[in-house]
Amino acid sequence: MIGGRRKAALAATVALLPGCAAVVPPTTTPAPTVEVARPAAPVALQPIRWTGRAIQGGLITGIAPAGTQTLALDGKLVPVASDGRFFIGFDRDAAPAATLVATAGDGRSTQVAFSVAPRAWDISRLPTLPKVPVPQPEFAARRPGELAQIVAARAMRTDAAGWAQAFHWPTTGRISTLFGSQRIYANGEAGSYHSGIDIARVTGTPVQAPADGVVILAAAAPFTLEGNLLMIDHGMGLNSAFLHLSRINVSVGDHVTQGQVVGFVGATGRATGPHLHWSLRWQGAKLDPLLAAGPMPGD
């Protein structure tokens, strides 16, 4: 019988003989740890900065955040200048809420939810007075062509930048009719609300451009309602209209500067006396000139 020590020595000797492989117990090597890079969270757009009043007939200017590709007010696209500045307005009958959304090219967005303040309009109720119809048939024959000129003018886009200026009054004097005022006649029939502001002045009083702009309509002959009508584009979808002028001093395509005399007060068209009717529109929304130019000097 071979002793234990001899068996161990023999096994060691066999393991070292040529052609004999040593038996090595298997070992387990842990798998290397792989770090998975996680995508960085997208950087949110900065807030929209704005100043002005969210009120019926009011207007706001602001700056869209860097990276903004589209800006929209309740789905309506808002033009944005190269430096990010923009202009928006709220119609006389604007809803109580509105949302302005800025969206970047990669889908990131930021928004402002406006609570649009209501206005108490000057409503005159005349239950015993029937609404006076507009004279026919001359009006019916001429009006479609006049409206076509107004629509075409408002569709024009120019390089005007007056929208960014602080607006001045085109003339000063007694305000005879406020923006938004309306008459309710017999049987509850409502007249159209007043879309601008009336300033009572004598015929021949100079009318100045309230801000820089480009002339987009200068009536060659008095319109049935507006009389001698002048319209100036201030850029970004904002335009002024001046009604009942006795004379127009500029032509379509002219670039005008703030304070430049562009016409003279009159009583042409449907007017009961000499005055200037000044109205403002932004992309179809009717705005209150009083909120654009501030209190009438002297008031």
Protein backbone atom coordinates (compact mmCIF):
# COMPACT_ATOMS: atom_id res chain seq x y z
CA MET A 1 0.00 0.00 0.00
CA ILE A 2 1.34 3.38 -0.99
CA GLY A 3 1.38 5.97 1.81
CA GLY A 4 -0.28 9.35 1.58
CA ARG A 5 2.96 11.28 1.11
CA ARG A 6 4.09 9.04 -1.72
CA LYS A 7 0.72 9.42 -3.45
CA ALA A 8 1.00 13.21 -3.32
CA ALA A 9 4.55 13.17 -4.67
CA LEU A 10 3.54 10.81 -7.48
CA ALA A 11 0.64 13.04 -8.47
CA ALA A 12 2.94 16.05 -8.62
CA THR A 13 5.41 14.14 -10.74
CA VAL A 14 2.71 12.99 -13.19
CA ALA A 15 1.48 16.56 -13.55
CA LEU A 16 4.93 17.65 -14.68
CA LEU A 17 5.50 14.81 -17.19
CA PRO A 18 5.46 15.71 -20.88
CA GLY A 19 2.05 15.26 -22.47
CA CYS A 20 0.22 15.52 -19.24
CA ALA A 21 -1.88 18.63 -18.62
CA ALA A 22 -2.27 20.07 -15.23
CA VAL A 23 -5.84 20.35 -14.05
CA VAL A 24 -6.57 23.96 -13.08
CA PRO A 25 -9.82 24.65 -11.29
CA PRO A 26 -12.07 27.10 -13.23
CA THR A 27 -12.22 30.76 -12.13
CA THR A 28 -15.06 33.30 -12.54
CA THR A 29 -14.14 36.80 -13.91
CA PRO A 30 -16.77 39.59 -13.28
CA ALA A 31 -18.12 41.33 -16.40
CA PRO A 32 -16.78 44.87 -16.92
CA THR A 33 -19.12 47.72 -15.89
CA VAL A 34 -20.40 49.77 -18.88
CA GLU A 35 -21.43 53.41 -18.22
CA VAL A 36 -24.46 54.40 -20.37
CA ALA A 37 -24.51 58.11 -21.26
CA ARG A 38 -27.91 59.64 -20.58
CA PRO A 39 -29.10 62.53 -22.82
CA ALA A 40 -29.07 65.91 -21.13
CA ALA A 41 -32.48 67.29 -20.24
CA PRO A 42 -33.56 70.03 -22.72
CA VAL A 43 -33.04 73.54 -21.49
CA ALA A 44 -36.42 75.25 -21.10
CA LEU A 45 -37.12 78.46 -23.01
CA GLN A 46 -36.82 81.63 -21.00
CA PRO A 47 -40.08 83.38 -20.09
CA ILE A 48 -41.76 85.79 -22.50
CA ARG A 49 -41.19 89.39 -21.36
CA TRP A 50 -43.96 91.91 -21.95
CA THR A 51 -45.33 95.30 -20.94
CA GLY A 52 -48.75 96.85 -21.42
CA ARG A 53 -52.32 96.05 -20.40
CA ALA A 54 -54.25 92.89 -21.13
CA ILE A 55 -57.58 94.67 -21.52
CA GLN A 56 -60.25 94.89 -24.20
CA GLY A 57 -58.97 97.34 -26.81
CA GLY A 58 -55.51 97.28 -25.22
CA LEU A 59 -52.06 96.55 -26.59
CA ILE A 60 -48.87 94.86 -25.45
CA THR A 61 -45.25 94.94 -26.61
CA GLY A 62 -42.69 92.37 -25.56
CA ILE A 63 -39.62 90.28 -26.29
CA ALA A 64 -39.79 86.62 -27.27
CA PRO A 65 -37.16 84.32 -25.70
CA ALA A 66 -34.01 83.44 -27.63
CA GLY A 67 -34.58 80.45 -29.90
CA THR A 68 -38.24 81.26 -30.59
CA GLN A 69 -39.26 80.04 -34.02
CA THR A 70 -42.97 80.80 -33.84
CA LEU A 71 -45.08 83.03 -31.60
CA ALA A 72 -48.85 82.68 -31.55
CA LEU A 73 -51.74 84.32 -29.72
CA ASP A 74 -54.60 81.84 -29.44
CA GLY A 75 -53.26 80.11 -32.54
CA LYS A 76 -52.83 83.33 -34.55
CA LEU A 77 -49.21 83.81 -35.68
CA VAL A 78 -47.55 86.92 -34.26
CA PRO A 79 -44.72 88.54 -36.27
CA VAL A 80 -41.42 88.76 -34.39
CA ALA A 81 -38.66 91.26 -35.21
CA SER A 82 -35.06 90.12 -35.67
CA ASP A 83 -34.24 91.25 -32.13
CA GLY A 84 -37.16 89.30 -30.67
CA ARG A 85 -39.54 92.23 -30.15
CA PHE A 86 -43.25 91.79 -30.90
CA PHE A 87 -46.61 93.55 -30.68
CA ILE A 88 -50.08 92.15 -29.90
CA GLY A 89 -53.50 93.69 -29.32
CA PHE A 90 -56.85 92.70 -27.86
CA ASP A 91 -60.07 93.42 -29.74
CA ARG A 92 -62.87 95.55 -28.28
CA ASP A 93 -64.84 92.30 -27.77
CA ALA A 94 -61.89 90.10 -26.79
CA ALA A 95 -62.65 86.99 -24.71
CA PRO A 96 -61.76 86.97 -20.99
CA ALA A 97 -58.68 84.78 -21.53
CA ALA A 98 -55.92 84.54 -24.12
CA THR A 99 -52.73 82.49 -24.40
CA LEU A 100 -49.47 83.59 -26.01
CA VAL A 101 -47.15 80.67 -26.87
CA ALA A 102 -43.49 80.86 -27.98
CA THR A 103 -42.15 77.66 -29.59
CA ALA A 104 -38.55 76.78 -30.47
CA GLY A 105 -37.50 74.72 -33.48
CA ASP A 106 -36.95 71.62 -31.33
CA GLY A 107 -40.45 71.78 -29.86
CA ARG A 108 -39.65 73.46 -26.56
CA SER A 109 -42.17 76.12 -25.61
CA THR A 110 -43.17 78.68 -23.02
CA GLN A 111 -46.39 80.62 -22.65
CA VAL A 112 -48.22 83.48 -20.99
CA ALA A 113 -51.87 83.09 -19.95
CA PHE A 114 -53.55 86.51 -20.07
CA SER A 115 -56.66 87.43 -18.14
CA VAL A 116 -58.18 90.07 -20.42
CA ALA A 117 -59.92 92.75 -18.36
CA PRO A 118 -63.42 93.76 -19.56
CA ARG A 119 -64.42 97.36 -20.26
CA ALA A 120 -67.59 99.29 -19.39
CA TRP A 121 -68.54 100.73 -22.77
CA ASP A 122 -70.54 103.90 -23.33
CA ILE A 123 -73.89 102.45 -24.45
CA SER A 124 -76.71 104.83 -25.42
CA ARG A 125 -80.21 103.31 -25.46
CA LEU A 126 -82.69 105.08 -27.73
CA PRO A 127 -85.84 102.90 -27.53
CA THR A 128 -88.07 105.33 -29.45
CA LEU A 129 -85.62 106.10 -32.25
CA PRO A 130 -85.45 103.71 -35.24
CA LYS A 131 -82.09 102.94 -36.74
CA VAL A 132 -81.56 105.21 -39.74
CA PRO A 133 -80.80 103.15 -42.86
CA VAL A 134 -77.85 104.08 -45.04
CA PRO A 135 -79.06 105.81 -48.23
CA GLN A 136 -79.60 103.54 -51.20
CA PRO A 137 -79.04 102.75 -54.08
CA GLU A 138 -75.86 104.84 -54.54
CA PHE A 139 -74.35 103.40 -51.40
CA ALA A 140 -74.99 99.82 -52.53
CA ALA A 141 -73.35 100.54 -55.88
CA ARG A 142 -70.21 102.20 -54.50
CA ARG A 143 -69.61 100.41 -51.21
CA PRO A 144 -68.22 97.06 -52.48
CA GLY A 145 -65.43 98.80 -54.36
CA GLU A 146 -64.57 100.96 -51.36
CA LEU A 147 -64.45 97.96 -49.04
CA ALA A 148 -62.22 96.12 -51.51
CA GLN A 149 -59.71 98.98 -51.37
CA ILE A 150 -59.72 98.93 -47.55
CA VAL A 151 -59.25 95.15 -47.41
CA ALA A 152 -56.40 95.29 -49.95
CA ALA A 153 -54.69 98.06 -48.00
CA ARG A 154 -54.87 96.15 -44.71
CA ALA A 155 -53.37 93.09 -46.41
CA MET A 156 -50.24 95.04 -47.38
CA ARG A 157 -47.02 94.40 -45.44
CA THR A 158 -44.30 97.06 -45.34
CA ASP A 159 -40.96 97.67 -43.66
CA ALA A 160 -42.50 100.20 -41.24
CA ALA A 161 -41.27 100.07 -37.63
CA GLY A 162 -43.54 102.67 -36.02
CA TRP A 163 -45.27 99.93 -34.00
CA ALA A 164 -42.33 100.02 -31.57
CA GLN A 165 -42.65 103.78 -30.89
CA ALA A 166 -44.65 105.53 -28.19
CA PHE A 167 -47.68 106.79 -30.15
CA HIS A 168 -48.55 110.50 -30.25
CA TRP A 169 -51.97 112.06 -30.78
CA PRO A 170 -52.43 113.01 -34.47
CA THR A 171 -54.21 116.15 -33.29
CA THR A 172 -55.35 117.39 -29.89
CA GLY A 173 -58.72 118.70 -28.81
CA ARG A 174 -62.04 117.68 -27.33
CA ILE A 175 -62.84 113.97 -27.60
CA SER A 176 -66.41 113.92 -28.89
CA THR A 177 -66.89 110.13 -29.20
CA LEU A 178 -65.03 107.40 -27.35
CA PHE A 179 -63.80 104.12 -28.79
CA GLY A 180 -66.26 101.26 -28.31
CA SER A 181 -69.33 103.41 -27.73
CA GLN A 182 -72.58 102.11 -29.21
CA ARG A 183 -76.24 102.98 -29.69
CA ILE A 184 -79.15 100.62 -29.18
CA TYR A 185 -82.20 101.73 -31.18
CA ALA A 186 -85.90 100.84 -31.14
CA ASN A 187 -86.73 97.15 -30.83
CA GLY A 188 -83.25 96.53 -29.43
CA GLU A 189 -81.56 96.96 -32.81
CA ALA A 190 -77.88 97.65 -32.20
CA GLY A 191 -75.85 100.04 -34.27
CA SER A 192 -72.22 99.31 -35.06
CA TYR A 193 -69.93 100.24 -32.19
CA HIS A 194 -67.53 103.12 -32.69
CA SER A 195 -64.29 101.62 -33.95
CA GLY A 196 -62.09 104.65 -33.28
CA ILE A 197 -61.97 107.90 -31.38
CA ASP A 198 -63.37 111.25 -32.58
CA ILE A 199 -61.55 114.53 -31.92
CA ALA A 200 -63.57 117.67 -32.62
CA ARG A 201 -61.49 120.28 -34.46
CA VAL A 202 -62.19 122.91 -37.10
CA THR A 203 -61.74 122.15 -40.77
CA GLY A 204 -58.15 122.58 -41.90
CA THR A 205 -56.51 121.60 -38.58
CA PRO A 206 -53.29 119.67 -39.39
CA VAL A 207 -53.26 115.91 -38.78
CA GLN A 208 -49.88 114.37 -37.91
CA ALA A 209 -48.64 110.80 -38.20
CA PRO A 210 -48.89 109.26 -34.70
CA ALA A 211 -45.87 107.05 -35.45
CA ASP A 212 -43.56 106.20 -38.34
CA GLY A 213 -45.19 104.29 -41.17
CA VAL A 214 -45.92 103.73 -44.83
CA VAL A 215 -49.04 105.04 -46.58
CA ILE A 216 -51.17 102.09 -47.74
CA LEU A 217 -54.32 103.97 -48.82
CA ALA A 218 -54.98 107.57 -49.78
CA ALA A 219 -58.47 107.91 -51.21
CA ALA A 220 -58.52 109.52 -54.64
CA ALA A 221 -62.13 110.59 -54.00
CA PRO A 222 -64.25 110.69 -50.83
CA PHE A 223 -65.66 107.33 -49.72
CA THR A 224 -69.39 107.17 -48.93
CA LEU A 225 -68.88 106.72 -45.17
CA GLU A 226 -65.22 107.56 -44.45
CA GLY A 227 -64.91 110.55 -46.75
CA ASN A 228 -61.29 111.31 -47.59
CA LEU A 229 -59.68 108.23 -46.06
CA LEU A 230 -55.99 107.87 -45.23
CA MET A 231 -54.42 104.66 -43.92
CA ILE A 232 -50.86 104.22 -42.62
CA ASP A 233 -49.15 100.90 -41.90
CA HIS A 234 -46.96 100.95 -38.78
CA GLY A 235 -45.60 97.41 -39.27
CA MET A 236 -46.21 94.07 -37.54
CA GLY A 237 -49.86 94.10 -38.69
CA LEU A 238 -50.67 97.42 -36.98
CA ASN A 239 -52.25 100.27 -38.98
CA SER A 240 -53.96 103.63 -38.46
CA ALA A 241 -56.95 105.04 -40.36
CA PHE A 242 -57.91 108.74 -40.49
CA LEU A 243 -61.44 109.54 -41.66
CA HIS A 244 -63.37 112.60 -42.91
CA LEU A 245 -60.23 114.55 -43.90
CA SER A 246 -60.65 117.75 -45.88
CA ARG A 247 -57.38 117.03 -47.70
CA ILE A 248 -54.73 114.31 -47.82
CA ASN A 249 -51.12 115.40 -47.94
CA VAL A 250 -49.36 112.13 -48.88
CA SER A 251 -49.54 109.33 -51.45
CA VAL A 252 -49.57 105.53 -51.35
CA GLY A 253 -46.05 104.19 -50.78
CA ASP A 254 -44.77 107.29 -48.99
CA HIS A 255 -42.72 106.70 -45.85
CA VAL A 256 -43.88 109.10 -43.16
CA THR A 257 -42.27 109.98 -39.84
CA GLN A 258 -43.87 110.58 -36.47
CA GLY A 259 -45.19 114.15 -36.29
CA GLN A 260 -45.26 114.67 -40.06
CA VAL A 261 -48.39 116.43 -41.34
CA VAL A 262 -50.27 113.88 -43.46
CA GLY A 263 -53.65 115.60 -43.88
CA PHE A 264 -56.17 118.07 -42.52
CA VAL A 265 -59.34 117.75 -40.45
CA GLY A 266 -62.62 117.89 -42.37
CA ALA A 267 -66.23 116.70 -42.53
CA THR A 268 -66.27 114.58 -45.69
CA GLY A 269 -68.29 111.36 -45.89
CA ARG A 270 -70.91 110.67 -43.21
CA ALA A 271 -70.05 113.34 -40.64
CA THR A 272 -72.25 115.78 -38.78
CA GLY A 273 -69.44 118.27 -38.34
CA PRO A 274 -65.66 118.66 -38.72
CA HIS A 275 -63.66 116.20 -36.65
CA LEU A 276 -60.91 113.61 -36.93
CA HIS A 277 -61.82 109.96 -36.56
CA TRP A 278 -58.66 107.96 -35.73
CA SER A 279 -58.80 104.18 -35.54
CA LEU A 280 -56.16 101.51 -34.89
CA ARG A 281 -56.19 97.86 -35.95
CA TRP A 282 -53.82 94.97 -35.33
CA GLN A 283 -54.44 91.91 -37.53
CA GLY A 284 -58.15 92.71 -37.57
CA ALA A 285 -58.45 93.43 -33.84
CA LYS A 286 -59.84 96.91 -33.18
CA LEU A 287 -57.76 98.78 -30.58
CA ASP A 288 -58.45 101.87 -28.47
CA PRO A 289 -56.24 104.80 -29.60
CA LEU A 290 -56.59 106.28 -26.11
CA LEU A 291 -54.67 103.30 -24.72
CA ALA A 292 -51.99 103.70 -27.38
CA ALA A 293 -51.42 107.47 -27.10
CA GLY A 294 -52.31 107.99 -23.43
CA PRO A 295 -54.47 110.77 -21.96
CA MET A 296 -55.28 113.66 -24.24
CA PRO A 297 -52.89 116.55 -23.48
CA GLY A 298 -54.67 119.16 -21.41
CA ASP A 299 -57.14 116.71 -19.86
